[in-house]
Amino acid sequence: MTVFYNTERGSVTRKEVFMPKPVVDESICEGCGSCVEICPEVFEIVDEKAHVIGPDKCNTCNCQEAADLCPVQAITIE
């Protein structure tokens, strides 16, 4: 994502901003669905495992909370 800032002198400065994205370790995910309850636009349960369906939609919910509440710590924010 690119963000533009106006400086005091009226010029525009461009800065690249890193947007963290959630990652699910499917090998340890139990498919409890707590992440889907918190961030339904980001996570979905498929074949009894959580999958990231909207990695760029963490601005619509609290992906960090979803990661923190995962009972097996299968979600990381990278």
PDB file of N, CA and C in Angstrom:
ATOM      1  N   MET A   1       0.840  -1.161   0.000  1.00  0.00           N
ATOM      2  CA  MET A   1       0.000   0.000   0.000  1.00  0.00           C
ATOM      3  C   MET A   1       0.890   1.229   0.000  1.00  0.00           C
ATOM      4  N   THR A   2       0.521   2.222  -0.758  1.00  0.00           N
ATOM      5  CA  THR A   2       1.266   3.471  -0.804  1.00  0.00           C
ATOM      6  C   THR A   2       0.438   4.565  -0.151  1.00  0.00           C
ATOM      7  N   VAL A   3       1.048   5.299   0.744  1.00  0.00           N
ATOM      8  CA  VAL A   3       0.393   6.403   1.425  1.00  0.00           C
ATOM      9  C   VAL A   3       1.123   7.677   1.056  1.00  0.00           C
ATOM     10  N   PHE A   4       0.382   8.736   0.792  1.00  0.00           N
ATOM     11  CA  PHE A   4       0.965  10.031   0.454  1.00  0.00           C
ATOM     12  C   PHE A   4       0.735  10.997   1.605  1.00  0.00           C
ATOM     13  N   TYR A   5       1.790  11.715   1.959  1.00  0.00           N
ATOM     14  CA  TYR A   5       1.730  12.688   3.036  1.00  0.00           C
ATOM     15  C   TYR A   5       2.024  14.078   2.492  1.00  0.00           C
ATOM     16  N   ASN A   6       1.297  15.073   2.977  1.00  0.00           N
ATOM     17  CA  ASN A   6       1.613  16.455   2.655  1.00  0.00           C
ATOM     18  C   ASN A   6       2.582  16.959   3.710  1.00  0.00           C
ATOM     19  N   THR A   7       3.657  17.586   3.260  1.00  0.00           N
ATOM     20  CA  THR A   7       4.621  18.141   4.199  1.00  0.00           C
ATOM     21  C   THR A   7       4.301  19.600   4.442  1.00  0.00           C
ATOM     22  N   GLU A   8       5.017  20.234   5.357  1.00  0.00           N
ATOM     23  CA  GLU A   8       4.774  21.634   5.702  1.00  0.00           C
ATOM     24  C   GLU A   8       4.924  22.561   4.499  1.00  0.00           C
ATOM     25  N   ARG A   9       5.792  22.235   3.591  1.00  0.00           N
ATOM     26  CA  ARG A   9       6.045  23.107   2.444  1.00  0.00           C
ATOM     27  C   ARG A   9       5.089  22.832   1.286  1.00  0.00           C
ATOM     28  N   GLY A  10       4.135  21.951   1.492  1.00  0.00           N
ATOM     29  CA  GLY A  10       3.151  21.704   0.454  1.00  0.00           C
ATOM     30  C   GLY A  10       3.522  20.615  -0.529  1.00  0.00           C
ATOM     31  N   SER A  11       4.703  20.033  -0.380  1.00  0.00           N
ATOM     32  CA  SER A  11       5.069  18.954  -1.288  1.00  0.00           C
ATOM     33  C   SER A  11       4.476  17.639  -0.776  1.00  0.00           C
ATOM     34  N   VAL A  12       4.429  16.659  -1.643  1.00  0.00           N
ATOM     35  CA  VAL A  12       3.857  15.367  -1.281  1.00  0.00           C
ATOM     36  C   VAL A  12       4.982  14.347  -1.173  1.00  0.00           C
ATOM     37  N   THR A  13       4.957  13.584  -0.098  1.00  0.00           N
ATOM     38  CA  THR A  13       5.941  12.545   0.133  1.00  0.00           C
ATOM     39  C   THR A  13       5.247  11.195   0.012  1.00  0.00           C
ATOM     40  N   ARG A  14       5.874  10.283  -0.702  1.00  0.00           N
ATOM     41  CA  ARG A  14       5.326   8.943  -0.872  1.00  0.00           C
ATOM     42  C   ARG A  14       6.023   7.988   0.080  1.00  0.00           C
ATOM     43  N   LYS A  15       5.246   7.139   0.743  1.00  0.00           N
ATOM     44  CA  LYS A  15       5.811   6.177   1.676  1.00  0.00           C
ATOM     45  C   LYS A  15       5.089   4.844   1.490  1.00  0.00           C
ATOM     46  N   GLU A  16       5.863   3.782   1.359  1.00  0.00           N
ATOM     47  CA  GLU A  16       5.291   2.442   1.274  1.00  0.00           C
ATOM     48  C   GLU A  16       4.967   1.980   2.691  1.00  0.00           C
ATOM     49  N   VAL A  17       3.773   1.465   2.877  1.00  0.00           N
ATOM     50  CA  VAL A  17       3.331   1.015   4.188  1.00  0.00           C
ATOM     51  C   VAL A  17       3.090  -0.490   4.128  1.00  0.00           C
ATOM     52  N   PHE A  18       3.681  -1.216   5.047  1.00  0.00           N
ATOM     53  CA  PHE A  18       3.513  -2.663   5.139  1.00  0.00           C
ATOM     54  C   PHE A  18       2.197  -2.956   5.845  1.00  0.00           C
ATOM     55  N   MET A  19       1.340  -3.720   5.195  1.00  0.00           N
ATOM     56  CA  MET A  19       0.074  -4.110   5.797  1.00  0.00           C
ATOM     57  C   MET A  19       0.186  -5.561   6.259  1.00  0.00           C
ATOM     58  N   PRO A  20       0.156  -5.785   7.557  1.00  0.00           N
ATOM     59  CA  PRO A  20       0.254  -7.149   8.056  1.00  0.00           C
ATOM     60  C   PRO A  20      -0.907  -8.005   7.550  1.00  0.00           C
ATOM     61  N   LYS A  21      -0.622  -9.275   7.320  1.00  0.00           N
ATOM     62  CA  LYS A  21      -1.630 -10.190   6.814  1.00  0.00           C
ATOM     63  C   LYS A  21      -1.679 -11.431   7.701  1.00  0.00           C
ATOM     64  N   PRO A  22      -2.890 -11.956   7.915  1.00  0.00           N
ATOM     65  CA  PRO A  22      -3.007 -13.163   8.733  1.00  0.00           C
ATOM     66  C   PRO A  22      -2.604 -14.408   7.947  1.00  0.00           C
ATOM     67  N   VAL A  23      -2.029 -15.353   8.658  1.00  0.00           N
ATOM     68  CA  VAL A  23      -1.628 -16.640   8.085  1.00  0.00           C
ATOM     69  C   VAL A  23      -2.118 -17.722   9.037  1.00  0.00           C
ATOM     70  N   VAL A  24      -2.754 -18.761   8.487  1.00  0.00           N
ATOM     71  CA  VAL A  24      -3.241 -19.875   9.296  1.00  0.00           C
ATOM     72  C   VAL A  24      -2.343 -21.089   9.069  1.00  0.00           C
ATOM     73  N   ASP A  25      -1.857 -21.664  10.158  1.00  0.00           N
ATOM     74  CA  ASP A  25      -1.113 -22.919  10.084  1.00  0.00           C
ATOM     75  C   ASP A  25      -2.153 -24.039  10.138  1.00  0.00           C
ATOM     76  N   GLU A  26      -2.522 -24.539   8.974  1.00  0.00           N
ATOM     77  CA  GLU A  26      -3.582 -25.540   8.883  1.00  0.00           C
ATOM     78  C   GLU A  26      -3.206 -26.856   9.553  1.00  0.00           C
ATOM     79  N   SER A  27      -1.921 -27.089   9.759  1.00  0.00           N
ATOM     80  CA  SER A  27      -1.513 -28.349  10.388  1.00  0.00           C
ATOM     81  C   SER A  27      -1.901 -28.407  11.861  1.00  0.00           C
ATOM     82  N   ILE A  28      -2.121 -27.237  12.489  1.00  0.00           N
ATOM     83  CA  ILE A  28      -2.520 -27.250  13.902  1.00  0.00           C
ATOM     84  C   ILE A  28      -3.918 -26.676  14.131  1.00  0.00           C
ATOM     85  N   CYS A  29      -4.527 -26.090  13.103  1.00  0.00           N
ATOM     86  CA  CYS A  29      -5.869 -25.525  13.235  1.00  0.00           C
ATOM     87  C   CYS A  29      -6.861 -26.635  13.574  1.00  0.00           C
ATOM     88  N   GLU A  30      -7.727 -26.359  14.557  1.00  0.00           N
ATOM     89  CA  GLU A  30      -8.749 -27.324  14.965  1.00  0.00           C
ATOM     90  C   GLU A  30     -10.104 -27.015  14.340  1.00  0.00           C
ATOM     91  N   GLY A  31     -10.198 -25.908  13.620  1.00  0.00           N
ATOM     92  CA  GLY A  31     -11.457 -25.546  12.973  1.00  0.00           C
ATOM     93  C   GLY A  31     -12.541 -25.105  13.927  1.00  0.00           C
ATOM     94  N   CYS A  32     -12.185 -24.506  15.039  1.00  0.00           N
ATOM     95  CA  CYS A  32     -13.177 -24.101  16.042  1.00  0.00           C
ATOM     96  C   CYS A  32     -14.066 -22.959  15.561  1.00  0.00           C
ATOM     97  N   GLY A  33     -13.548 -22.141  14.638  1.00  0.00           N
ATOM     98  CA  GLY A  33     -14.349 -21.061  14.060  1.00  0.00           C
ATOM     99  C   GLY A  33     -14.333 -19.755  14.819  1.00  0.00           C
ATOM    100  N   SER A  34     -13.548 -19.637  15.873  1.00  0.00           N
ATOM    101  CA  SER A  34     -13.519 -18.369  16.613  1.00  0.00           C
ATOM    102  C   SER A  34     -13.028 -17.218  15.738  1.00  0.00           C
ATOM    103  N   CYS A  35     -12.093 -17.511  14.847  1.00  0.00           N
ATOM    104  CA  CYS A  35     -11.586 -16.465  13.950  1.00  0.00           C
ATOM    105  C   CYS A  35     -12.676 -15.991  12.982  1.00  0.00           C
ATOM    106  N   VAL A  36     -13.520 -16.914  12.530  1.00  0.00           N
ATOM    107  CA  VAL A  36     -14.611 -16.569  11.613  1.00  0.00           C
ATOM    108  C   VAL A  36     -15.633 -15.687  12.321  1.00  0.00           C
ATOM    109  N   GLU A  37     -15.888 -15.973  13.596  1.00  0.00           N
ATOM    110  CA  GLU A  37     -16.828 -15.151  14.363  1.00  0.00           C
ATOM    111  C   GLU A  37     -16.332 -13.718  14.484  1.00  0.00           C
ATOM    112  N   ILE A  38     -15.027 -13.544  14.657  1.00  0.00           N
ATOM    113  CA  ILE A  38     -14.449 -12.216  14.845  1.00  0.00           C
ATOM    114  C   ILE A  38     -14.248 -11.504  13.507  1.00  0.00           C
ATOM    115  N   CYS A  39     -13.780 -12.241  12.491  1.00  0.00           N
ATOM    116  CA  CYS A  39     -13.439 -11.643  11.191  1.00  0.00           C
ATOM    117  C   CYS A  39     -14.005 -12.477  10.036  1.00  0.00           C
ATOM    118  N   PRO A  40     -15.317 -12.436   9.819  1.00  0.00           N
ATOM    119  CA  PRO A  40     -15.906 -13.257   8.767  1.00  0.00           C
ATOM    120  C   PRO A  40     -15.492 -12.873   7.350  1.00  0.00           C
ATOM    121  N   GLU A  41     -15.015 -11.660   7.156  1.00  0.00           N
ATOM    122  CA  GLU A  41     -14.555 -11.256   5.824  1.00  0.00           C
ATOM    123  C   GLU A  41     -13.106 -11.684   5.563  1.00  0.00           C
ATOM    124  N   VAL A  42     -12.436 -12.159   6.603  1.00  0.00           N
ATOM    125  CA  VAL A  42     -11.028 -12.552   6.487  1.00  0.00           C
ATOM    126  C   VAL A  42     -10.860 -14.068   6.534  1.00  0.00           C
ATOM    127  N   PHE A  43     -11.631 -14.729   7.397  1.00  0.00           N
ATOM    128  CA  PHE A  43     -11.473 -16.170   7.602  1.00  0.00           C
ATOM    129  C   PHE A  43     -12.732 -16.933   7.204  1.00  0.00           C
ATOM    130  N   GLU A  44     -12.522 -18.191   6.826  1.00  0.00           N
ATOM    131  CA  GLU A  44     -13.627 -19.081   6.486  1.00  0.00           C
ATOM    132  C   GLU A  44     -13.193 -20.504   6.856  1.00  0.00           C
ATOM    133  N   ILE A  45     -14.146 -21.309   7.319  1.00  0.00           N
ATOM    134  CA  ILE A  45     -13.856 -22.715   7.610  1.00  0.00           C
ATOM    135  C   ILE A  45     -14.152 -23.530   6.354  1.00  0.00           C
ATOM    136  N   VAL A  46     -13.142 -24.253   5.885  1.00  0.00           N
ATOM    137  CA  VAL A  46     -13.268 -25.137   4.728  1.00  0.00           C
ATOM    138  C   VAL A  46     -12.646 -26.474   5.119  1.00  0.00           C
ATOM    139  N   ASP A  47     -13.392 -27.537   4.957  1.00  0.00           N
ATOM    140  CA  ASP A  47     -12.897 -28.875   5.318  1.00  0.00           C
ATOM    141  C   ASP A  47     -12.367 -28.915   6.752  1.00  0.00           C
ATOM    142  N   GLU A  48     -13.113 -28.287   7.652  1.00  0.00           N
ATOM    143  CA  GLU A  48     -12.818 -28.284   9.086  1.00  0.00           C
ATOM    144  C   GLU A  48     -11.525 -27.573   9.464  1.00  0.00           C
ATOM    145  N   LYS A  49     -11.048 -26.678   8.598  1.00  0.00           N
ATOM    146  CA  LYS A  49      -9.853 -25.874   8.884  1.00  0.00           C
ATOM    147  C   LYS A  49     -10.133 -24.419   8.505  1.00  0.00           C
ATOM    148  N   ALA A  50      -9.535 -23.489   9.232  1.00  0.00           N
ATOM    149  CA  ALA A  50      -9.660 -22.076   8.890  1.00  0.00           C
ATOM    150  C   ALA A  50      -8.774 -21.751   7.699  1.00  0.00           C
ATOM    151  N   HIS A  51      -9.291 -20.925   6.833  1.00  0.00           N
ATOM    152  CA  HIS A  51      -8.540 -20.447   5.669  1.00  0.00           C
ATOM    153  C   HIS A  51      -8.693 -18.936   5.594  1.00  0.00           C
ATOM    154  N   VAL A  52      -7.656 -18.276   5.130  1.00  0.00           N
ATOM    155  CA  VAL A  52      -7.712 -16.829   4.925  1.00  0.00           C
ATOM    156  C   VAL A  52      -8.318 -16.592   3.550  1.00  0.00           C
ATOM    157  N   ILE A  53      -9.457 -15.891   3.523  1.00  0.00           N
ATOM    158  CA  ILE A  53     -10.128 -15.600   2.255  1.00  0.00           C
ATOM    159  C   ILE A  53     -10.028 -14.122   1.878  1.00  0.00           C
ATOM    160  N   GLY A  54      -9.685 -13.292   2.847  1.00  0.00           N
ATOM    161  CA  GLY A  54      -9.578 -11.858   2.583  1.00  0.00           C
ATOM    162  C   GLY A  54      -8.413 -11.248   3.331  1.00  0.00           C
ATOM    163  N   PRO A  55      -7.181 -11.581   2.925  1.00  0.00           N
ATOM    164  CA  PRO A  55      -6.021 -11.117   3.690  1.00  0.00           C
ATOM    165  C   PRO A  55      -5.885  -9.592   3.755  1.00  0.00           C
ATOM    166  N   ASP A  56      -6.496  -8.904   2.828  1.00  0.00           N
ATOM    167  CA  ASP A  56      -6.413  -7.443   2.804  1.00  0.00           C
ATOM    168  C   ASP A  56      -7.595  -6.784   3.512  1.00  0.00           C
ATOM    169  N   LYS A  57      -8.406  -7.551   4.227  1.00  0.00           N
ATOM    170  CA  LYS A  57      -9.605  -7.002   4.863  1.00  0.00           C
ATOM    171  C   LYS A  57      -9.489  -6.887   6.376  1.00  0.00           C
ATOM    172  N   CYS A  58      -8.278  -6.942   6.904  1.00  0.00           N
ATOM    173  CA  CYS A  58      -8.103  -6.804   8.348  1.00  0.00           C
ATOM    174  C   CYS A  58      -8.522  -5.425   8.850  1.00  0.00           C
ATOM    175  N   ASN A  59      -8.699  -4.488   7.942  1.00  0.00           N
ATOM    176  CA  ASN A  59      -9.177  -3.165   8.352  1.00  0.00           C
ATOM    177  C   ASN A  59     -10.669  -3.190   8.682  1.00  0.00           C
ATOM    178  N   THR A  60     -11.371  -4.300   8.369  1.00  0.00           N
ATOM    179  CA  THR A  60     -12.803  -4.404   8.653  1.00  0.00           C
ATOM    180  C   THR A  60     -13.085  -5.088   9.983  1.00  0.00           C
ATOM    181  N   CYS A  61     -12.049  -5.606  10.627  1.00  0.00           N
ATOM    182  CA  CYS A  61     -12.220  -6.327  11.889  1.00  0.00           C
ATOM    183  C   CYS A  61     -10.893  -6.300  12.645  1.00  0.00           C
ATOM    184  N   ASN A  62     -10.805  -7.111  13.683  1.00  0.00           N
ATOM    185  CA  ASN A  62      -9.583  -7.142  14.489  1.00  0.00           C
ATOM    186  C   ASN A  62      -8.877  -8.486  14.303  1.00  0.00           C
ATOM    187  N   CYS A  63      -8.050  -8.572  13.282  1.00  0.00           N
ATOM    188  CA  CYS A  63      -7.327  -9.822  13.000  1.00  0.00           C
ATOM    189  C   CYS A  63      -6.402 -10.211  14.149  1.00  0.00           C
ATOM    190  N   GLN A  64      -5.848  -9.238  14.831  1.00  0.00           N
ATOM    191  CA  GLN A  64      -4.975  -9.560  15.966  1.00  0.00           C
ATOM    192  C   GLN A  64      -5.768 -10.238  17.068  1.00  0.00           C
ATOM    193  N   GLU A  65      -6.986  -9.781  17.301  1.00  0.00           N
ATOM    194  CA  GLU A  65      -7.838 -10.424  18.303  1.00  0.00           C
ATOM    195  C   GLU A  65      -8.152 -11.864  17.894  1.00  0.00           C
ATOM    196  N   ALA A  66      -8.417 -12.080  16.605  1.00  0.00           N
ATOM    197  CA  ALA A  66      -8.671 -13.441  16.112  1.00  0.00           C
ATOM    198  C   ALA A  66      -7.453 -14.329  16.373  1.00  0.00           C
ATOM    199  N   ALA A  67      -6.269 -13.804  16.117  1.00  0.00           N
ATOM    200  CA  ALA A  67      -5.040 -14.564  16.371  1.00  0.00           C
ATOM    201  C   ALA A  67      -4.862 -14.831  17.864  1.00  0.00           C
ATOM    202  N   ASP A  68      -5.116 -13.813  18.675  1.00  0.00           N
ATOM    203  CA  ASP A  68      -4.941 -13.958  20.122  1.00  0.00           C
ATOM    204  C   ASP A  68      -5.920 -14.964  20.728  1.00  0.00           C
ATOM    205  N   LEU A  69      -7.131 -15.062  20.178  1.00  0.00           N
ATOM    206  CA  LEU A  69      -8.146 -15.953  20.729  1.00  0.00           C
ATOM    207  C   LEU A  69      -8.089 -17.367  20.167  1.00  0.00           C
ATOM    208  N   CYS A  70      -7.263 -17.599  19.182  1.00  0.00           N
ATOM    209  CA  CYS A  70      -7.139 -18.946  18.624  1.00  0.00           C
ATOM    210  C   CYS A  70      -6.620 -19.875  19.724  1.00  0.00           C
ATOM    211  N   PRO A  71      -7.379 -20.929  20.059  1.00  0.00           N
ATOM    212  CA  PRO A  71      -6.974 -21.772  21.194  1.00  0.00           C
ATOM    213  C   PRO A  71      -5.685 -22.564  20.956  1.00  0.00           C
ATOM    214  N   VAL A  72      -5.284 -22.727  19.700  1.00  0.00           N
ATOM    215  CA  VAL A  72      -4.052 -23.480  19.429  1.00  0.00           C
ATOM    216  C   VAL A  72      -2.967 -22.613  18.769  1.00  0.00           C
ATOM    217  N   GLN A  73      -3.174 -21.293  18.779  1.00  0.00           N
ATOM    218  CA  GLN A  73      -2.241 -20.337  18.189  1.00  0.00           C
ATOM    219  C   GLN A  73      -1.896 -20.681  16.734  1.00  0.00           C
ATOM    220  N   ALA A  74      -2.923 -21.054  15.959  1.00  0.00           N
ATOM    221  CA  ALA A  74      -2.706 -21.401  14.547  1.00  0.00           C
ATOM    222  C   ALA A  74      -2.637 -20.178  13.654  1.00  0.00           C
ATOM    223  N   ILE A  75      -3.001 -19.000  14.186  1.00  0.00           N
ATOM    224  CA  ILE A  75      -3.021 -17.778  13.370  1.00  0.00           C
ATOM    225  C   ILE A  75      -1.879 -16.873  13.780  1.00  0.00           C
ATOM    226  N   THR A  76      -1.122 -16.433  12.800  1.00  0.00           N
ATOM    227  CA  THR A  76      -0.097 -15.419  13.042  1.00  0.00           C
ATOM    228  C   THR A  76      -0.383 -14.245  12.116  1.00  0.00           C
ATOM    229  N   ILE A  77       0.108 -13.099  12.495  1.00  0.00           N
ATOM    230  CA  ILE A  77      -0.013 -11.905  11.681  1.00  0.00           C
ATOM    231  C   ILE A  77       1.392 -11.583  11.188  1.00  0.00           C
ATOM    232  N   GLU A  78       1.579 -11.644   9.878  1.00  0.00           N
ATOM    233  CA  GLU A  78       2.921 -11.456   9.307  1.00  0.00           C
ATOM    234  C   GLU A  78       2.947 -10.268   8.368  1.00  0.00           C
TER     235      GLU A  78
END
